[in-house]
Amino acid sequence: MKNITPQIKDNELYRLLREGEIEEFNSRREKGESCDLQSADFRGVDLIGLNADGLDLSNCYFRMCNLRGIDFSSTRLEGASIHGAQISGAYFPAALEASEILLSLEHGTRMRYKEHH
């Protein structure tokens, strides 16, 4: 199993998110900038307003984050943990069952996608 320890990333777009510069992050992504956010540590970060469309946030750590109202429907969240996060109004991918989201929210488990056959 690969190392999935939450990481503080060394890139500009990640730094913008950690510092609450969500509009700047969204703007720069719309202009074509990209960054690796897999396994990123977002502990306690307020991400309201994040355009998560197409982001790969697999194995990220969102403990105590403010994720209210974020549309994650086209975001990769497999292996992410949302323990204690604020998630009212958030829209999760259809491949994530409600029980997976609840287990992660209440106990910090990493979310697993249901199998599609």
PDB file of N, CA and C in Angstrom:
ATOM      1  N   MET A   1       0.841  -1.184   0.000  1.00  0.00           N
ATOM      2  CA  MET A   1       0.000   0.000   0.000  1.00  0.00           C
ATOM      3  C   MET A   1       0.885   1.247   0.000  1.00  0.00           C
ATOM      4  N   LYS A   2       0.579   2.171  -0.872  1.00  0.00           N
ATOM      5  CA  LYS A   2       1.391   3.388  -0.943  1.00  0.00           C
ATOM      6  C   LYS A   2       1.138   4.290   0.264  1.00  0.00           C
ATOM      7  N   ASN A   3       2.091   5.142   0.535  1.00  0.00           N
ATOM      8  CA  ASN A   3       1.995   6.066   1.655  1.00  0.00           C
ATOM      9  C   ASN A   3       0.912   7.106   1.372  1.00  0.00           C
ATOM     10  N   ILE A   4      -0.073   7.176   2.255  1.00  0.00           N
ATOM     11  CA  ILE A   4      -1.157   8.143   2.067  1.00  0.00           C
ATOM     12  C   ILE A   4      -1.244   9.105   3.251  1.00  0.00           C
ATOM     13  N   THR A   5      -0.109   9.364   3.876  1.00  0.00           N
ATOM     14  CA  THR A   5      -0.049  10.320   4.966  1.00  0.00           C
ATOM     15  C   THR A   5      -0.357  11.711   4.423  1.00  0.00           C
ATOM     16  N   PRO A   6      -1.234  12.482   5.088  1.00  0.00           N
ATOM     17  CA  PRO A   6      -1.523  13.845   4.616  1.00  0.00           C
ATOM     18  C   PRO A   6      -0.240  14.671   4.508  1.00  0.00           C
ATOM     19  N   GLN A   7      -0.149  15.429   3.419  1.00  0.00           N
ATOM     20  CA  GLN A   7       1.070  16.176   3.140  1.00  0.00           C
ATOM     21  C   GLN A   7       0.789  17.665   2.988  1.00  0.00           C
ATOM     22  N   ILE A   8       1.732  18.461   3.477  1.00  0.00           N
ATOM     23  CA  ILE A   8       1.726  19.891   3.180  1.00  0.00           C
ATOM     24  C   ILE A   8       2.461  20.017   1.848  1.00  0.00           C
ATOM     25  N   LYS A   9       1.745  20.395   0.814  1.00  0.00           N
ATOM     26  CA  LYS A   9       2.303  20.442  -0.542  1.00  0.00           C
ATOM     27  C   LYS A   9       3.137  21.705  -0.762  1.00  0.00           C
ATOM     28  N   ASP A  10       4.104  21.575  -1.626  1.00  0.00           N
ATOM     29  CA  ASP A  10       4.976  22.696  -1.967  1.00  0.00           C
ATOM     30  C   ASP A  10       4.615  23.218  -3.351  1.00  0.00           C
ATOM     31  N   ASN A  11       3.418  23.808  -3.466  1.00  0.00           N
ATOM     32  CA  ASN A  11       3.057  24.459  -4.729  1.00  0.00           C
ATOM     33  C   ASN A  11       2.129  25.639  -4.455  1.00  0.00           C
ATOM     34  N   GLU A  12       2.136  26.563  -5.361  1.00  0.00           N
ATOM     35  CA  GLU A  12       1.446  27.842  -5.194  1.00  0.00           C
ATOM     36  C   GLU A  12      -0.070  27.687  -5.056  1.00  0.00           C
ATOM     37  N   LEU A  13      -0.697  26.852  -5.883  1.00  0.00           N
ATOM     38  CA  LEU A  13      -2.155  26.729  -5.818  1.00  0.00           C
ATOM     39  C   LEU A  13      -2.605  26.105  -4.501  1.00  0.00           C
ATOM     40  N   TYR A  14      -1.876  25.129  -4.008  1.00  0.00           N
ATOM     41  CA  TYR A  14      -2.193  24.536  -2.704  1.00  0.00           C
ATOM     42  C   TYR A  14      -2.062  25.594  -1.605  1.00  0.00           C
ATOM     43  N   ARG A  15      -1.008  26.392  -1.664  1.00  0.00           N
ATOM     44  CA  ARG A  15      -0.799  27.449  -0.678  1.00  0.00           C
ATOM     45  C   ARG A  15      -1.979  28.421  -0.682  1.00  0.00           C
ATOM     46  N   LEU A  16      -2.489  28.761  -1.865  1.00  0.00           N
ATOM     47  CA  LEU A  16      -3.644  29.656  -1.957  1.00  0.00           C
ATOM     48  C   LEU A  16      -4.839  29.085  -1.191  1.00  0.00           C
ATOM     49  N   LEU A  17      -5.093  27.795  -1.347  1.00  0.00           N
ATOM     50  CA  LEU A  17      -6.209  27.166  -0.643  1.00  0.00           C
ATOM     51  C   LEU A  17      -5.988  27.197   0.867  1.00  0.00           C
ATOM     52  N   ARG A  18      -4.794  26.878   1.314  1.00  0.00           N
ATOM     53  CA  ARG A  18      -4.488  26.864   2.747  1.00  0.00           C
ATOM     54  C   ARG A  18      -4.634  28.258   3.361  1.00  0.00           C
ATOM     55  N   GLU A  19      -4.395  29.298   2.558  1.00  0.00           N
ATOM     56  CA  GLU A  19      -4.468  30.666   3.057  1.00  0.00           C
ATOM     57  C   GLU A  19      -5.838  31.306   2.849  1.00  0.00           C
ATOM     58  N   GLY A  20      -6.801  30.524   2.339  1.00  0.00           N
ATOM     59  CA  GLY A  20      -8.153  31.036   2.164  1.00  0.00           C
ATOM     60  C   GLY A  20      -8.369  31.870   0.917  1.00  0.00           C
ATOM     61  N   GLU A  21      -7.436  31.818  -0.003  1.00  0.00           N
ATOM     62  CA  GLU A  21      -7.543  32.580  -1.261  1.00  0.00           C
ATOM     63  C   GLU A  21      -8.270  31.737  -2.311  1.00  0.00           C
ATOM     64  N   ILE A  22      -9.516  31.387  -2.016  1.00  0.00           N
ATOM     65  CA  ILE A  22     -10.292  30.473  -2.854  1.00  0.00           C
ATOM     66  C   ILE A  22     -10.590  31.087  -4.222  1.00  0.00           C
ATOM     67  N   GLU A  23     -10.967  32.368  -4.257  1.00  0.00           N
ATOM     68  CA  GLU A  23     -11.265  33.014  -5.540  1.00  0.00           C
ATOM     69  C   GLU A  23     -10.042  33.031  -6.447  1.00  0.00           C
ATOM     70  N   GLU A  24      -8.883  33.326  -5.876  1.00  0.00           N
ATOM     71  CA  GLU A  24      -7.642  33.341  -6.653  1.00  0.00           C
ATOM     72  C   GLU A  24      -7.322  31.941  -7.180  1.00  0.00           C
ATOM     73  N   PHE A  25      -7.506  30.924  -6.335  1.00  0.00           N
ATOM     74  CA  PHE A  25      -7.295  29.540  -6.754  1.00  0.00           C
ATOM     75  C   PHE A  25      -8.205  29.203  -7.935  1.00  0.00           C
ATOM     76  N   ASN A  26      -9.514  29.497  -7.780  1.00  0.00           N
ATOM     77  CA  ASN A  26     -10.480  29.205  -8.846  1.00  0.00           C
ATOM     78  C   ASN A  26     -10.109  29.930 -10.134  1.00  0.00           C
ATOM     79  N   SER A  27      -9.738  31.185 -10.025  1.00  0.00           N
ATOM     80  CA  SER A  27      -9.381  31.992 -11.193  1.00  0.00           C
ATOM     81  C   SER A  27      -8.169  31.403 -11.924  1.00  0.00           C
ATOM     82  N   ARG A  28      -7.153  31.040 -11.176  1.00  0.00           N
ATOM     83  CA  ARG A  28      -5.940  30.504 -11.795  1.00  0.00           C
ATOM     84  C   ARG A  28      -6.183  29.145 -12.431  1.00  0.00           C
ATOM     85  N   ARG A  29      -7.050  28.332 -11.817  1.00  0.00           N
ATOM     86  CA  ARG A  29      -7.406  27.042 -12.430  1.00  0.00           C
ATOM     87  C   ARG A  29      -8.174  27.258 -13.720  1.00  0.00           C
ATOM     88  N   GLU A  30      -9.082  28.247 -13.727  1.00  0.00           N
ATOM     89  CA  GLU A  30      -9.855  28.536 -14.935  1.00  0.00           C
ATOM     90  C   GLU A  30      -8.950  28.966 -16.081  1.00  0.00           C
ATOM     91  N   LYS A  31      -7.799  29.556 -15.746  1.00  0.00           N
ATOM     92  CA  LYS A  31      -6.833  29.992 -16.751  1.00  0.00           C
ATOM     93  C   LYS A  31      -5.891  28.865 -17.170  1.00  0.00           C
ATOM     94  N   GLY A  32      -6.101  27.658 -16.614  1.00  0.00           N
ATOM     95  CA  GLY A  32      -5.335  26.508 -17.059  1.00  0.00           C
ATOM     96  C   GLY A  32      -4.250  25.999 -16.125  1.00  0.00           C
ATOM     97  N   GLU A  33      -4.042  26.660 -14.994  1.00  0.00           N
ATOM     98  CA  GLU A  33      -3.025  26.169 -14.062  1.00  0.00           C
ATOM     99  C   GLU A  33      -3.533  24.895 -13.396  1.00  0.00           C
ATOM    100  N   SER A  34      -2.617  24.012 -13.097  1.00  0.00           N
ATOM    101  CA  SER A  34      -2.988  22.784 -12.401  1.00  0.00           C
ATOM    102  C   SER A  34      -1.977  22.509 -11.301  1.00  0.00           C
ATOM    103  N   CYS A  35      -2.351  21.631 -10.397  1.00  0.00           N
ATOM    104  CA  CYS A  35      -1.440  21.232  -9.331  1.00  0.00           C
ATOM    105  C   CYS A  35      -1.863  19.880  -8.786  1.00  0.00           C
ATOM    106  N   ASP A  36      -0.939  19.223  -8.135  1.00  0.00           N
ATOM    107  CA  ASP A  36      -1.197  17.929  -7.524  1.00  0.00           C
ATOM    108  C   ASP A  36      -1.717  18.151  -6.117  1.00  0.00           C
ATOM    109  N   LEU A  37      -2.973  17.792  -5.895  1.00  0.00           N
ATOM    110  CA  LEU A  37      -3.567  17.944  -4.566  1.00  0.00           C
ATOM    111  C   LEU A  37      -3.836  16.598  -3.896  1.00  0.00           C
ATOM    112  N   GLN A  38      -3.459  15.497  -4.531  1.00  0.00           N
ATOM    113  CA  GLN A  38      -3.665  14.180  -3.923  1.00  0.00           C
ATOM    114  C   GLN A  38      -2.929  14.099  -2.589  1.00  0.00           C
ATOM    115  N   SER A  39      -3.588  13.522  -1.608  1.00  0.00           N
ATOM    116  CA  SER A  39      -3.037  13.317  -0.255  1.00  0.00           C
ATOM    117  C   SER A  39      -2.698  14.622   0.469  1.00  0.00           C
ATOM    118  N   ALA A  40      -3.293  15.719   0.044  1.00  0.00           N
ATOM    119  CA  ALA A  40      -2.999  17.017   0.664  1.00  0.00           C
ATOM    120  C   ALA A  40      -3.665  17.132   2.037  1.00  0.00           C
ATOM    121  N   ASP A  41      -3.022  17.869   2.916  1.00  0.00           N
ATOM    122  CA  ASP A  41      -3.513  18.133   4.265  1.00  0.00           C
ATOM    123  C   ASP A  41      -4.253  19.472   4.257  1.00  0.00           C
ATOM    124  N   PHE A  42      -5.564  19.413   4.475  1.00  0.00           N
ATOM    125  CA  PHE A  42      -6.394  20.622   4.523  1.00  0.00           C
ATOM    126  C   PHE A  42      -7.003  20.820   5.911  1.00  0.00           C
ATOM    127  N   ARG A  43      -6.403  20.246   6.934  1.00  0.00           N
ATOM    128  CA  ARG A  43      -6.938  20.331   8.307  1.00  0.00           C
ATOM    129  C   ARG A  43      -7.369  21.752   8.665  1.00  0.00           C
ATOM    130  N   GLY A  44      -8.657  21.904   9.020  1.00  0.00           N
ATOM    131  CA  GLY A  44      -9.163  23.165   9.531  1.00  0.00           C
ATOM    132  C   GLY A  44      -9.292  24.293   8.523  1.00  0.00           C
ATOM    133  N   VAL A  45      -9.127  24.011   7.236  1.00  0.00           N
ATOM    134  CA  VAL A  45      -9.176  25.050   6.208  1.00  0.00           C
ATOM    135  C   VAL A  45     -10.623  25.330   5.795  1.00  0.00           C
ATOM    136  N   ASP A  46     -10.951  26.604   5.584  1.00  0.00           N
ATOM    137  CA  ASP A  46     -12.265  27.008   5.094  1.00  0.00           C
ATOM    138  C   ASP A  46     -12.202  27.022   3.569  1.00  0.00           C
ATOM    139  N   LEU A  47     -12.900  26.076   2.938  1.00  0.00           N
ATOM    140  CA  LEU A  47     -12.857  25.953   1.481  1.00  0.00           C
ATOM    141  C   LEU A  47     -14.155  26.395   0.810  1.00  0.00           C
ATOM    142  N   ILE A  48     -15.005  27.145   1.531  1.00  0.00           N
ATOM    143  CA  ILE A  48     -16.262  27.610   0.934  1.00  0.00           C
ATOM    144  C   ILE A  48     -15.960  28.379  -0.353  1.00  0.00           C
ATOM    145  N   GLY A  49     -16.719  28.048  -1.400  1.00  0.00           N
ATOM    146  CA  GLY A  49     -16.561  28.720  -2.689  1.00  0.00           C
ATOM    147  C   GLY A  49     -15.621  27.999  -3.634  1.00  0.00           C
ATOM    148  N   LEU A  50     -14.997  26.911  -3.174  1.00  0.00           N
ATOM    149  CA  LEU A  50     -14.075  26.160  -4.018  1.00  0.00           C
ATOM    150  C   LEU A  50     -14.790  25.579  -5.230  1.00  0.00           C
ATOM    151  N   ASN A  51     -14.239  25.783  -6.410  1.00  0.00           N
ATOM    152  CA  ASN A  51     -14.706  25.096  -7.605  1.00  0.00           C
ATOM    153  C   ASN A  51     -13.927  23.790  -7.672  1.00  0.00           C
ATOM    154  N   ALA A  52     -14.554  22.710  -7.213  1.00  0.00           N
ATOM    155  CA  ALA A  52     -13.886  21.409  -7.126  1.00  0.00           C
ATOM    156  C   ALA A  52     -14.059  20.576  -8.385  1.00  0.00           C
ATOM    157  N   ASP A  53     -14.672  21.138  -9.421  1.00  0.00           N
ATOM    158  CA  ASP A  53     -14.947  20.408 -10.652  1.00  0.00           C
ATOM    159  C   ASP A  53     -13.665  19.815 -11.237  1.00  0.00           C
ATOM    160  N   GLY A  54     -13.625  18.480 -11.321  1.00  0.00           N
ATOM    161  CA  GLY A  54     -12.504  17.799 -11.948  1.00  0.00           C
ATOM    162  C   GLY A  54     -11.264  17.640 -11.091  1.00  0.00           C
ATOM    163  N   LEU A  55     -11.286  18.111  -9.851  1.00  0.00           N
ATOM    164  CA  LEU A  55     -10.102  17.972  -8.996  1.00  0.00           C
ATOM    165  C   LEU A  55      -9.939  16.535  -8.520  1.00  0.00           C
ATOM    166  N   ASP A  56      -8.694  16.117  -8.358  1.00  0.00           N
ATOM    167  CA  ASP A  56      -8.395  14.826  -7.750  1.00  0.00           C
ATOM    168  C   ASP A  56      -7.961  15.096  -6.313  1.00  0.00           C
ATOM    169  N   LEU A  57      -8.886  14.909  -5.385  1.00  0.00           N
ATOM    170  CA  LEU A  57      -8.629  15.128  -3.970  1.00  0.00           C
ATOM    171  C   LEU A  57      -8.571  13.792  -3.224  1.00  0.00           C
ATOM    172  N   SER A  58      -8.187  12.745  -3.945  1.00  0.00           N
ATOM    173  CA  SER A  58      -8.097  11.427  -3.320  1.00  0.00           C
ATOM    174  C   SER A  58      -7.070  11.444  -2.199  1.00  0.00           C
ATOM    175  N   ASN A  59      -7.405  10.740  -1.136  1.00  0.00           N
ATOM    176  CA  ASN A  59      -6.557  10.594   0.053  1.00  0.00           C
ATOM    177  C   ASN A  59      -6.284  11.904   0.787  1.00  0.00           C
ATOM    178  N   CYS A  60      -7.066  12.935   0.523  1.00  0.00           N
ATOM    179  CA  CYS A  60      -6.875  14.204   1.238  1.00  0.00           C
ATOM    180  C   CYS A  60      -7.462  14.124   2.646  1.00  0.00           C
ATOM    181  N   TYR A  61      -6.976  14.991   3.498  1.00  0.00           N
ATOM    182  CA  TYR A  61      -7.365  15.033   4.897  1.00  0.00           C
ATOM    183  C   TYR A  61      -8.085  16.355   5.155  1.00  0.00           C
ATOM    184  N   PHE A  62      -9.418  16.277   5.373  1.00  0.00           N
ATOM    185  CA  PHE A  62     -10.257  17.457   5.546  1.00  0.00           C
ATOM    186  C   PHE A  62     -10.798  17.595   6.970  1.00  0.00           C
ATOM    187  N   ARG A  63     -10.059  17.119   7.958  1.00  0.00           N
ATOM    188  CA  ARG A  63     -10.530  17.174   9.350  1.00  0.00           C
ATOM    189  C   ARG A  63     -10.870  18.618   9.735  1.00  0.00           C
ATOM    190  N   MET A  64     -12.103  18.791  10.255  1.00  0.00           N
ATOM    191  CA  MET A  64     -12.587  20.075  10.760  1.00  0.00           C
ATOM    192  C   MET A  64     -12.600  21.185   9.691  1.00  0.00           C
ATOM    193  N   CYS A  65     -12.676  20.825   8.431  1.00  0.00           N
ATOM    194  CA  CYS A  65     -12.748  21.813   7.344  1.00  0.00           C
ATOM    195  C   CYS A  65     -14.168  22.341   7.183  1.00  0.00           C
ATOM    196  N   ASN A  66     -14.269  23.497   6.580  1.00  0.00           N
ATOM    197  CA  ASN A  66     -15.558  24.040   6.198  1.00  0.00           C
ATOM    198  C   ASN A  66     -15.739  23.735   4.715  1.00  0.00           C
ATOM    199  N   LEU A  67     -16.569  22.736   4.423  1.00  0.00           N
ATOM    200  CA  LEU A  67     -16.820  22.293   3.047  1.00  0.00           C
ATOM    201  C   LEU A  67     -18.252  22.612   2.624  1.00  0.00           C
ATOM    202  N   ARG A  68     -18.911  23.492   3.356  1.00  0.00           N
ATOM    203  CA  ARG A  68     -20.326  23.774   3.092  1.00  0.00           C
ATOM    204  C   ARG A  68     -20.550  24.288   1.677  1.00  0.00           C
ATOM    205  N   GLY A  69     -21.538  23.673   1.028  1.00  0.00           N
ATOM    206  CA  GLY A  69     -21.987  24.128  -0.282  1.00  0.00           C
ATOM    207  C   GLY A  69     -21.084  23.763  -1.453  1.00  0.00           C
ATOM    208  N   ILE A  70     -20.024  23.013  -1.234  1.00  0.00           N
ATOM    209  CA  ILE A  70     -19.118  22.673  -2.334  1.00  0.00           C
ATOM    210  C   ILE A  70     -19.698  21.525  -3.152  1.00  0.00           C
ATOM    211  N   ASP A  71     -19.632  21.661  -4.470  1.00  0.00           N
ATOM    212  CA  ASP A  71     -20.092  20.616  -5.378  1.00  0.00           C
ATOM    213  C   ASP A  71     -18.914  19.700  -5.702  1.00  0.00           C
ATOM    214  N   PHE A  72     -18.886  18.548  -5.050  1.00  0.00           N
ATOM    215  CA  PHE A  72     -17.843  17.551  -5.280  1.00  0.00           C
ATOM    216  C   PHE A  72     -18.295  16.477  -6.263  1.00  0.00           C
ATOM    217  N   SER A  73     -19.417  16.684  -6.965  1.00  0.00           N
ATOM    218  CA  SER A  73     -20.009  15.623  -7.786  1.00  0.00           C
ATOM    219  C   SER A  73     -19.062  15.102  -8.866  1.00  0.00           C
ATOM    220  N   SER A  74     -18.154  15.934  -9.361  1.00  0.00           N
ATOM    221  CA  SER A  74     -17.207  15.468 -10.375  1.00  0.00           C
ATOM    222  C   SER A  74     -15.768  15.528  -9.855  1.00  0.00           C
ATOM    223  N   THR A  75     -15.630  15.342  -8.547  1.00  0.00           N
ATOM    224  CA  THR A  75     -14.336  15.390  -7.875  1.00  0.00           C
ATOM    225  C   THR A  75     -13.978  13.989  -7.408  1.00  0.00           C
ATOM    226  N   ARG A  76     -12.722  13.617  -7.511  1.00  0.00           N
ATOM    227  CA  ARG A  76     -12.282  12.311  -7.003  1.00  0.00           C
ATOM    228  C   ARG A  76     -11.969  12.462  -5.515  1.00  0.00           C
ATOM    229  N   LEU A  77     -12.733  11.749  -4.676  1.00  0.00           N
ATOM    230  CA  LEU A  77     -12.581  11.833  -3.222  1.00  0.00           C
ATOM    231  C   LEU A  77     -12.237  10.489  -2.585  1.00  0.00           C
ATOM    232  N   GLU A  78     -11.945   9.487  -3.384  1.00  0.00           N
ATOM    233  CA  GLU A  78     -11.660   8.165  -2.829  1.00  0.00           C
ATOM    234  C   GLU A  78     -10.473   8.225  -1.876  1.00  0.00           C
ATOM    235  N   GLY A  79     -10.672   7.678  -0.682  1.00  0.00           N
ATOM    236  CA  GLY A  79      -9.611   7.658   0.315  1.00  0.00           C
ATOM    237  C   GLY A  79      -9.521   8.921   1.156  1.00  0.00           C
ATOM    238  N   ALA A  80     -10.344   9.918   0.850  1.00  0.00           N
ATOM    239  CA  ALA A  80     -10.326  11.163   1.625  1.00  0.00           C
ATOM    240  C   ALA A  80     -11.040  10.956   2.965  1.00  0.00           C
ATOM    241  N   SER A  81     -10.688  11.777   3.944  1.00  0.00           N
ATOM    242  CA  SER A  81     -11.308  11.733   5.261  1.00  0.00           C
ATOM    243  C   SER A  81     -11.850  13.120   5.594  1.00  0.00           C
ATOM    244  N   ILE A  82     -13.107  13.155   6.079  1.00  0.00           N
ATOM    245  CA  ILE A  82     -13.769  14.429   6.375  1.00  0.00           C
ATOM    246  C   ILE A  82     -14.165  14.529   7.851  1.00  0.00           C
ATOM    247  N   HIS A  83     -13.418  13.914   8.734  1.00  0.00           N
ATOM    248  CA  HIS A  83     -13.773  13.860  10.159  1.00  0.00           C
ATOM    249  C   HIS A  83     -14.061  15.253  10.727  1.00  0.00           C
ATOM    250  N   GLY A  84     -15.272  15.415  11.256  1.00  0.00           N
ATOM    251  CA  GLY A  84     -15.647  16.660  11.912  1.00  0.00           C
ATOM    252  C   GLY A  84     -15.838  17.849  10.993  1.00  0.00           C
ATOM    253  N   ALA A  85     -15.842  17.638   9.691  1.00  0.00           N
ATOM    254  CA  ALA A  85     -15.987  18.746   8.738  1.00  0.00           C
ATOM    255  C   ALA A  85     -17.435  19.258   8.717  1.00  0.00           C
ATOM    256  N   GLN A  86     -17.596  20.488   8.299  1.00  0.00           N
ATOM    257  CA  GLN A  86     -18.921  21.066   8.074  1.00  0.00           C
ATOM    258  C   GLN A  86     -19.286  20.789   6.624  1.00  0.00           C
ATOM    259  N   ILE A  87     -20.348  19.998   6.401  1.00  0.00           N
ATOM    260  CA  ILE A  87     -20.657  19.561   5.039  1.00  0.00           C
ATOM    261  C   ILE A  87     -22.069  19.914   4.590  1.00  0.00           C
ATOM    262  N   SER A  88     -22.779  20.768   5.336  1.00  0.00           N
ATOM    263  CA  SER A  88     -24.144  21.084   4.920  1.00  0.00           C
ATOM    264  C   SER A  88     -24.139  21.703   3.528  1.00  0.00           C
ATOM    265  N   GLY A  89     -25.020  21.202   2.683  1.00  0.00           N
ATOM    266  CA  GLY A  89     -25.141  21.707   1.326  1.00  0.00           C
ATOM    267  C   GLY A  89     -24.093  21.192   0.365  1.00  0.00           C
ATOM    268  N   ALA A  90     -23.152  20.381   0.841  1.00  0.00           N
ATOM    269  CA  ALA A  90     -22.141  19.816  -0.062  1.00  0.00           C
ATOM    270  C   ALA A  90     -22.780  18.716  -0.898  1.00  0.00           C
ATOM    271  N   TYR A  91     -22.317  18.583  -2.123  1.00  0.00           N
ATOM    272  CA  TYR A  91     -22.838  17.596  -3.056  1.00  0.00           C
ATOM    273  C   TYR A  91     -21.713  16.621  -3.356  1.00  0.00           C
ATOM    274  N   PHE A  92     -21.888  15.354  -2.958  1.00  0.00           N
ATOM    275  CA  PHE A  92     -20.843  14.354  -3.094  1.00  0.00           C
ATOM    276  C   PHE A  92     -21.049  13.500  -4.342  1.00  0.00           C
ATOM    277  N   PRO A  93     -19.979  12.861  -4.836  1.00  0.00           N
ATOM    278  CA  PRO A  93     -20.098  11.990  -6.018  1.00  0.00           C
ATOM    279  C   PRO A  93     -21.100  10.858  -5.778  1.00  0.00           C
ATOM    280  N   ALA A  94     -21.822  10.482  -6.814  1.00  0.00           N
ATOM    281  CA  ALA A  94     -22.802   9.400  -6.715  1.00  0.00           C
ATOM    282  C   ALA A  94     -22.143   8.087  -6.308  1.00  0.00           C
ATOM    283  N   ALA A  95     -20.883   7.914  -6.613  1.00  0.00           N
ATOM    284  CA  ALA A  95     -20.163   6.675  -6.288  1.00  0.00           C
ATOM    285  C   ALA A  95     -19.847   6.561  -4.800  1.00  0.00           C
ATOM    286  N   LEU A  96     -20.092   7.622  -4.029  1.00  0.00           N
ATOM    287  CA  LEU A  96     -19.887   7.576  -2.576  1.00  0.00           C
ATOM    288  C   LEU A  96     -21.237   7.372  -1.901  1.00  0.00           C
ATOM    289  N   GLU A  97     -21.387   6.252  -1.229  1.00  0.00           N
ATOM    290  CA  GLU A  97     -22.639   5.994  -0.533  1.00  0.00           C
ATOM    291  C   GLU A  97     -22.726   6.867   0.720  1.00  0.00           C
ATOM    292  N   ALA A  98     -23.938   7.187   1.118  1.00  0.00           N
ATOM    293  CA  ALA A  98     -24.159   8.023   2.296  1.00  0.00           C
ATOM    294  C   ALA A  98     -23.495   7.435   3.537  1.00  0.00           C
ATOM    295  N   SER A  99     -23.496   6.119   3.659  1.00  0.00           N
ATOM    296  CA  SER A  99     -22.878   5.479   4.829  1.00  0.00           C
ATOM    297  C   SER A  99     -21.373   5.727   4.867  1.00  0.00           C
ATOM    298  N   GLU A 100     -20.717   5.772   3.716  1.00  0.00           N
ATOM    299  CA  GLU A 100     -19.281   6.065   3.659  1.00  0.00           C
ATOM    300  C   GLU A 100     -19.003   7.496   4.111  1.00  0.00           C
ATOM    301  N   ILE A 101     -19.843   8.413   3.668  1.00  0.00           N
ATOM    302  CA  ILE A 101     -19.684   9.824   4.038  1.00  0.00           C
ATOM    303  C   ILE A 101     -19.894   9.975   5.543  1.00  0.00           C
ATOM    304  N   LEU A 102     -20.933   9.341   6.071  1.00  0.00           N
ATOM    305  CA  LEU A 102     -21.231   9.433   7.497  1.00  0.00           C
ATOM    306  C   LEU A 102     -20.122   8.815   8.352  1.00  0.00           C
ATOM    307  N   LEU A 103     -19.608   7.652   7.960  1.00  0.00           N
ATOM    308  CA  LEU A 103     -18.510   7.028   8.701  1.00  0.00           C
ATOM    309  C   LEU A 103     -17.279   7.920   8.721  1.00  0.00           C
ATOM    310  N   SER A 104     -16.992   8.549   7.596  1.00  0.00           N
ATOM    311  CA  SER A 104     -15.837   9.437   7.525  1.00  0.00           C
ATOM    312  C   SER A 104     -16.063  10.676   8.380  1.00  0.00           C
ATOM    313  N   LEU A 105     -17.254  11.245   8.306  1.00  0.00           N
ATOM    314  CA  LEU A 105     -17.580  12.444   9.071  1.00  0.00           C
ATOM    315  C   LEU A 105     -17.503  12.191  10.581  1.00  0.00           C
ATOM    316  N   GLU A 106     -18.052  11.065  11.016  1.00  0.00           N
ATOM    317  CA  GLU A 106     -18.137  10.783  12.452  1.00  0.00           C
ATOM    318  C   GLU A 106     -16.901  10.106  13.028  1.00  0.00           C
ATOM    319  N   HIS A 107     -16.210   9.287  12.218  1.00  0.00           N
ATOM    320  CA  HIS A 107     -15.112   8.474  12.748  1.00  0.00           C
ATOM    321  C   HIS A 107     -13.777   8.689  12.034  1.00  0.00           C
ATOM    322  N   GLY A 108     -13.774   9.459  10.977  1.00  0.00           N
ATOM    323  CA  GLY A 108     -12.530   9.739  10.275  1.00  0.00           C
ATOM    324  C   GLY A 108     -12.067   8.656   9.323  1.00  0.00           C
ATOM    325  N   THR A 109     -12.951   7.707   9.005  1.00  0.00           N
ATOM    326  CA  THR A 109     -12.549   6.664   8.061  1.00  0.00           C
ATOM    327  C   THR A 109     -12.327   7.277   6.679  1.00  0.00           C
ATOM    328  N   ARG A 110     -11.544   6.601   5.881  1.00  0.00           N
ATOM    329  CA  ARG A 110     -11.310   7.049   4.507  1.00  0.00           C
ATOM    330  C   ARG A 110     -12.451   6.544   3.628  1.00  0.00           C
ATOM    331  N   MET A 111     -12.998   7.430   2.819  1.00  0.00           N
ATOM    332  CA  MET A 111     -14.171   7.094   2.021  1.00  0.00           C
ATOM    333  C   MET A 111     -13.806   6.171   0.859  1.00  0.00           C
ATOM    334  N   ARG A 112     -14.658   5.151   0.664  1.00  0.00           N
ATOM    335  CA  ARG A 112     -14.464   4.185  -0.421  1.00  0.00           C
ATOM    336  C   ARG A 112     -15.630   4.290  -1.398  1.00  0.00           C
ATOM    337  N   TYR A 113     -15.329   4.226  -2.664  1.00  0.00           N
ATOM    338  CA  TYR A 113     -16.363   4.263  -3.684  1.00  0.00           C
ATOM    339  C   TYR A 113     -17.008   2.898  -3.801  1.00  0.00           C
ATOM    340  N   LYS A 114     -18.330   2.911  -4.087  1.00  0.00           N
ATOM    341  CA  LYS A 114     -19.029   1.636  -4.327  1.00  0.00           C
ATOM    342  C   LYS A 114     -18.625   1.118  -5.706  1.00  0.00           C
ATOM    343  N   GLU A 115     -18.685  -0.167  -5.835  1.00  0.00           N
ATOM    344  CA  GLU A 115     -18.320  -0.816  -7.105  1.00  0.00           C
ATOM    345  C   GLU A 115     -19.411  -0.566  -8.149  1.00  0.00           C
ATOM    346  N   HIS A 116     -18.985  -0.292  -9.372  1.00  0.00           N
ATOM    347  CA  HIS A 116     -19.933  -0.180 -10.488  1.00  0.00           C
ATOM    348  C   HIS A 116     -19.730  -1.385 -11.382  1.00  0.00           C
ATOM    349  N   HIS A 117     -20.784  -2.177 -11.574  1.00  0.00           N
ATOM    350  CA  HIS A 117     -20.665  -3.363 -12.424  1.00  0.00           C
ATOM    351  C   HIS A 117     -21.642  -3.271 -13.570  1.00  0.00           C
TER     352      HIS A 117
END
